[in-house]
Amino acid sequence: MAARRSERMGVVLMVAERHEQEAAGYLSRHSELVRNETEQLAQLAEYRDTYLGHYASDQARMGPAELSRYSQFLLHLGGAIDDQQRKLATLQQQLETVRRHWHEQHQRRKAVEDLIARLRRGEDREVEKQLQKQLDEMASASRRHKPSGVG
């Protein structure tokens, strides 16, 4: 006897589940990357704020060379923060793309599950129809073979 269509669709469901799991793994790893880069940006900003505080409080006591070094360092730190912000913006855009991909895979898996459920319901209805037809035929045959004087 051939496998029911709903059973054959199990392979398609397994593939859809695997694709969804892979997409979820990418999403998880990329989310972690965005979190790490966000933390790094916060650390850079905190570092800059600390140095700005020192610069503001110590500025009157600094000589021109020291003031120049502080200013150059703060400029480099600002550049690093700008670079980190651009990097983070790119990663956030990529994260959204990865999230959309996961969502598509999730929807596909759900659609396959829904299709399998509909196929099973249809197959169950067909089995019930066949069973009812057999019962009706047996009842009809039983009435034909019944002796006519009994009643």
Protein backbone atom coordinates (compact mmCIF):
# COMPACT_ATOMS: atom_id res chain seq x y z
CA MET A 1 0.00 0.00 0.00
CA ALA A 2 1.37 3.43 -0.93
CA ALA A 3 2.16 5.91 1.81
CA ARG A 4 -0.44 8.55 2.44
CA ARG A 5 0.33 11.96 1.05
CA SER A 6 0.42 13.44 4.55
CA GLU A 7 3.10 10.89 5.48
CA ARG A 8 5.14 11.67 2.37
CA MET A 9 5.03 15.36 3.28
CA GLY A 10 6.95 14.49 6.45
CA VAL A 11 10.21 14.76 4.48
CA VAL A 12 9.26 18.26 3.34
CA LEU A 13 8.47 19.17 6.95
CA MET A 14 11.86 17.87 8.11
CA VAL A 15 13.63 20.03 5.53
CA ALA A 16 11.55 23.07 6.50
CA GLU A 17 12.33 22.48 10.19
CA ARG A 18 16.05 22.19 9.44
CA HIS A 19 16.01 25.44 7.45
CA GLU A 20 14.15 27.19 10.25
CA GLN A 21 16.63 25.91 12.85
CA GLU A 22 19.58 27.05 10.73
CA ALA A 23 18.01 30.50 10.33
CA ALA A 24 17.37 30.63 14.09
CA GLY A 25 21.03 29.82 14.71
CA TYR A 26 22.13 32.65 12.39
CA LEU A 27 19.71 34.98 14.14
CA SER A 28 21.01 34.03 17.57
CA ARG A 29 24.66 34.48 16.58
CA HIS A 30 24.01 37.78 14.84
CA SER A 31 21.97 39.08 17.80
CA GLU A 32 24.88 38.23 20.09
CA LEU A 33 27.26 40.06 17.75
CA VAL A 34 25.06 43.17 17.82
CA ARG A 35 24.90 43.01 21.64
CA ASN A 36 28.69 42.75 21.87
CA GLU A 37 29.26 45.64 19.47
CA THR A 38 26.68 47.74 21.34
CA GLU A 39 28.55 47.08 24.58
CA GLN A 40 31.83 48.03 22.93
CA LEU A 41 30.29 51.31 21.74
CA ALA A 42 29.05 52.04 25.25
CA GLN A 43 32.52 51.33 26.66
CA LEU A 44 34.13 53.67 24.14
CA ALA A 45 31.64 56.41 24.99
CA GLU A 46 32.25 55.91 28.71
CA TYR A 47 36.01 56.01 28.15
CA ARG A 48 35.63 59.24 26.17
CA ASP A 49 33.43 60.80 28.86
CA THR A 50 36.01 59.91 31.53
CA TYR A 51 38.80 61.48 29.52
CA LEU A 52 36.69 64.57 28.81
CA GLY A 53 36.12 64.92 32.55
CA HIS A 54 39.86 64.70 33.23
CA TYR A 55 40.58 67.08 30.38
CA ALA A 56 38.10 69.66 31.66
CA SER A 57 39.33 69.50 35.25
CA ASP A 58 43.07 69.35 34.45
CA GLN A 59 43.11 71.73 31.48
CA ALA A 60 44.30 74.74 33.49
CA ARG A 61 47.31 72.82 34.82
CA MET A 62 48.41 71.37 31.46
CA GLY A 63 51.12 72.68 29.22
CA PRO A 64 50.60 73.16 25.49
CA ALA A 65 52.15 69.79 24.53
CA GLU A 66 50.00 67.92 27.02
CA LEU A 67 46.89 69.79 25.90
CA SER A 68 47.72 68.87 22.32
CA ARG A 69 48.18 65.18 23.21
CA TYR A 70 44.88 65.14 25.10
CA SER A 71 43.11 66.82 22.19
CA GLN A 72 44.60 64.40 19.66
CA PHE A 73 43.68 61.42 21.83
CA LEU A 74 40.11 62.67 22.18
CA LEU A 75 39.91 63.17 18.40
CA HIS A 76 41.11 59.60 17.81
CA LEU A 77 38.67 58.33 20.41
CA GLY A 78 35.85 60.25 18.70
CA GLY A 79 36.86 58.69 15.38
CA ALA A 80 36.80 55.23 16.93
CA ILE A 81 33.31 55.94 18.30
CA ASP A 82 32.13 57.11 14.87
CA ASP A 83 33.58 53.96 13.28
CA GLN A 84 31.90 51.79 15.91
CA GLN A 85 28.56 53.56 15.35
CA ARG A 86 28.78 52.91 11.60
CA LYS A 87 29.75 49.30 12.20
CA LEU A 88 26.84 48.87 14.61
CA ALA A 89 24.37 50.46 12.18
CA THR A 90 25.50 48.03 9.46
CA LEU A 91 25.20 45.07 11.83
CA GLN A 92 21.72 46.17 12.89
CA GLN A 93 20.63 46.32 9.25
CA GLN A 94 22.08 42.85 8.72
CA LEU A 95 20.31 41.64 11.86
CA GLU A 96 17.01 42.82 10.44
CA THR A 97 17.71 40.93 7.21
CA VAL A 98 18.57 37.79 9.18
CA ARG A 99 15.41 38.24 11.27
CA ARG A 100 13.28 38.51 8.13
CA HIS A 101 14.94 35.36 6.73
CA TRP A 102 14.20 33.45 9.94
CA HIS A 103 10.60 34.68 9.87
CA GLU A 104 10.19 33.47 6.27
CA GLN A 105 11.57 30.04 7.20
CA HIS A 106 9.31 29.94 10.25
CA GLN A 107 6.27 30.78 8.11
CA ARG A 108 7.22 28.10 5.56
CA ARG A 109 7.50 25.47 8.27
CA LYS A 110 4.13 26.48 9.69
CA ALA A 111 2.58 26.36 6.22
CA VAL A 112 3.89 22.81 5.69
CA GLU A 113 2.53 21.77 9.10
CA ASP A 114 -0.85 23.29 8.24
CA LEU A 115 -0.87 21.51 4.88
CA ILE A 116 -0.08 18.18 6.54
CA ALA A 117 -2.89 18.73 9.05
CA ARG A 118 -5.35 19.51 6.22
CA LEU A 119 -4.19 16.45 4.27
CA ARG A 120 -4.65 14.24 7.34
CA ARG A 121 -8.16 15.57 7.93
CA GLY A 122 -9.02 14.94 4.28
CA GLU A 123 -7.53 11.44 4.41
CA ASP A 124 -9.43 10.70 7.61
CA ARG A 125 -12.69 11.88 5.98
CA GLU A 126 -11.98 9.64 2.98
CA VAL A 127 -11.38 6.62 5.24
CA GLU A 128 -14.62 7.36 7.10
CA LYS A 129 -16.52 7.60 3.79
CA GLN A 130 -15.09 4.27 2.64
CA LEU A 131 -15.94 2.66 5.97
CA GLN A 132 -19.48 4.03 5.86
CA LYS A 133 -19.86 2.77 2.27
CA GLN A 134 -18.73 -0.71 3.36
CA LEU A 135 -21.17 -0.66 6.29
CA ASP A 136 -24.00 0.42 4.00
CA GLU A 137 -23.15 -2.35 1.52
CA MET A 138 -23.06 -4.93 4.31
CA ALA A 139 -26.43 -3.72 5.63
CA SER A 140 -27.88 -3.81 2.12
CA ALA A 141 -26.53 -7.32 1.51
CA SER A 142 -27.88 -8.47 4.85
CA ARG A 143 -31.38 -7.23 3.96
CA ARG A 144 -31.27 -9.01 0.60
CA HIS A 145 -30.38 -12.32 2.19
CA LYS A 146 -32.95 -12.09 4.95
CA PRO A 147 -35.79 -14.67 4.62
CA SER A 148 -39.01 -13.02 3.47
CA GLY A 149 -41.33 -14.57 6.08
CA VAL A 150 -39.39 -13.26 9.11
CA GLY A 151 -40.37 -10.02 10.25
